[in-house]
Amino acid sequence: MSAQTLLDGLQRRGASFRANGDWLRWRAPVGVMTDADLSAIREHKPKLMAILKERGAEIIQFGAYLSRREAERRARNEQHNGGNAA
């Protein structure tokens, strides 16, 4: 899967992304991001950042989001547990 395909698919499912310096920021409705999605985002981060910077991407607002704290907790847990976290 290409970074563009990943980005397009996640955005269709309600996720939003933006590049903030060296950070990739994202938000998604509860239940949208799977462990596989988070792994793919990490794998494609450099290309995703380039795509977003080219677009001058801003956060696209959607209805329901994970809180930043919850999203970061899930990402840390998955990274710590080798992709086997919930």
Protein backbone atom coordinates (compact mmCIF):
# COMPACT_ATOMS: atom_id res chain seq x y z
CA MET A 1 0.00 0.00 0.00
CA SER A 2 1.31 3.44 -0.86
CA ALA A 3 1.36 6.32 1.61
CA GLN A 4 -1.18 8.17 -0.55
CA THR A 5 -3.55 5.18 -0.56
CA LEU A 6 -3.19 4.86 3.21
CA LEU A 7 -3.87 8.55 3.75
CA ASP A 8 -6.87 8.60 1.41
CA GLY A 9 -8.40 5.51 2.99
CA LEU A 10 -8.02 6.78 6.54
CA GLN A 11 -9.42 10.18 5.61
CA ARG A 12 -12.47 8.51 4.02
CA ARG A 13 -12.98 6.72 7.36
CA GLY A 14 -12.95 10.04 9.23
CA ALA A 15 -9.31 10.51 10.20
CA SER A 16 -7.54 13.82 9.75
CA PHE A 17 -3.81 14.47 9.52
CA ARG A 18 -1.40 17.39 9.56
CA ALA A 19 2.33 17.88 9.59
CA ASN A 20 3.61 19.97 12.48
CA GLY A 21 7.36 20.37 12.17
CA ASP A 22 8.76 16.85 12.51
CA TRP A 23 5.55 15.59 14.10
CA LEU A 24 2.71 13.84 12.31
CA ARG A 25 -0.53 14.80 14.04
CA TRP A 26 -3.73 12.88 13.52
CA ARG A 27 -7.24 12.55 14.87
CA ALA A 28 -9.82 9.90 14.19
CA PRO A 29 -13.25 8.86 15.42
CA VAL A 30 -13.17 6.21 18.13
CA GLY A 31 -12.64 2.77 16.62
CA VAL A 32 -11.37 3.95 13.23
CA MET A 33 -7.66 3.34 13.80
CA THR A 34 -6.60 -0.27 14.01
CA ASP A 35 -3.25 -1.59 15.14
CA ALA A 36 -2.47 -2.28 11.48
CA ASP A 37 -3.30 1.35 10.60
CA LEU A 38 -0.97 2.65 13.31
CA SER A 39 1.81 0.37 12.09
CA ALA A 40 1.27 1.52 8.49
CA ILE A 41 1.35 5.16 9.59
CA ARG A 42 4.69 4.60 11.32
CA GLU A 43 6.03 2.76 8.26
CA HIS A 44 4.97 5.50 5.85
CA LYS A 45 5.56 8.51 8.11
CA PRO A 46 8.25 10.21 5.96
CA LYS A 47 6.11 10.03 2.81
CA LEU A 48 2.95 11.02 4.69
CA MET A 49 4.78 14.06 6.06
CA ALA A 50 5.90 15.02 2.56
CA ILE A 51 2.36 14.68 1.17
CA LEU A 52 0.89 16.78 3.98
CA LYS A 53 3.56 19.45 3.74
CA GLU A 54 2.96 19.67 -0.02
CA ARG A 55 -0.73 20.17 0.60
CA GLY A 56 -0.14 22.64 3.41
CA ALA A 57 -2.58 20.37 5.25
CA GLU A 58 -4.74 21.71 8.00
CA ILE A 59 -6.75 19.60 10.40
CA ILE A 60 -10.06 18.67 8.81
CA GLN A 61 -12.75 18.72 11.42
CA PHE A 62 -14.94 15.66 11.95
CA GLY A 63 -17.57 14.75 14.51
CA ALA A 64 -16.07 12.45 17.15
CA TYR A 65 -12.39 12.05 17.99
CA LEU A 66 -10.15 10.16 20.27
CA SER A 67 -8.77 12.53 22.81
CA ARG A 68 -5.14 13.40 22.24
CA ARG A 69 -4.29 11.65 25.50
CA GLU A 70 -6.05 8.43 24.40
CA ALA A 71 -4.48 8.46 20.92
CA GLU A 72 -1.01 8.95 22.38
CA ARG A 73 -1.65 6.24 24.99
CA ARG A 74 -2.65 3.76 22.30
CA ALA A 75 0.35 4.61 20.16
CA ARG A 76 2.74 4.25 23.12
CA ASN A 77 1.16 0.95 24.16
CA GLU A 78 1.40 -0.47 20.66
CA GLN A 79 5.00 0.65 20.30
CA HIS A 80 5.90 -0.72 23.74
CA ASN A 81 4.14 -4.05 23.13
CA GLY A 82 5.41 -4.56 19.60
CA GLY A 83 2.05 -3.95 17.95
CA ASN A 84 0.04 -6.21 20.26
CA ALA A 85 -1.66 -3.52 22.35
CA ALA A 86 -5.29 -2.57 22.66
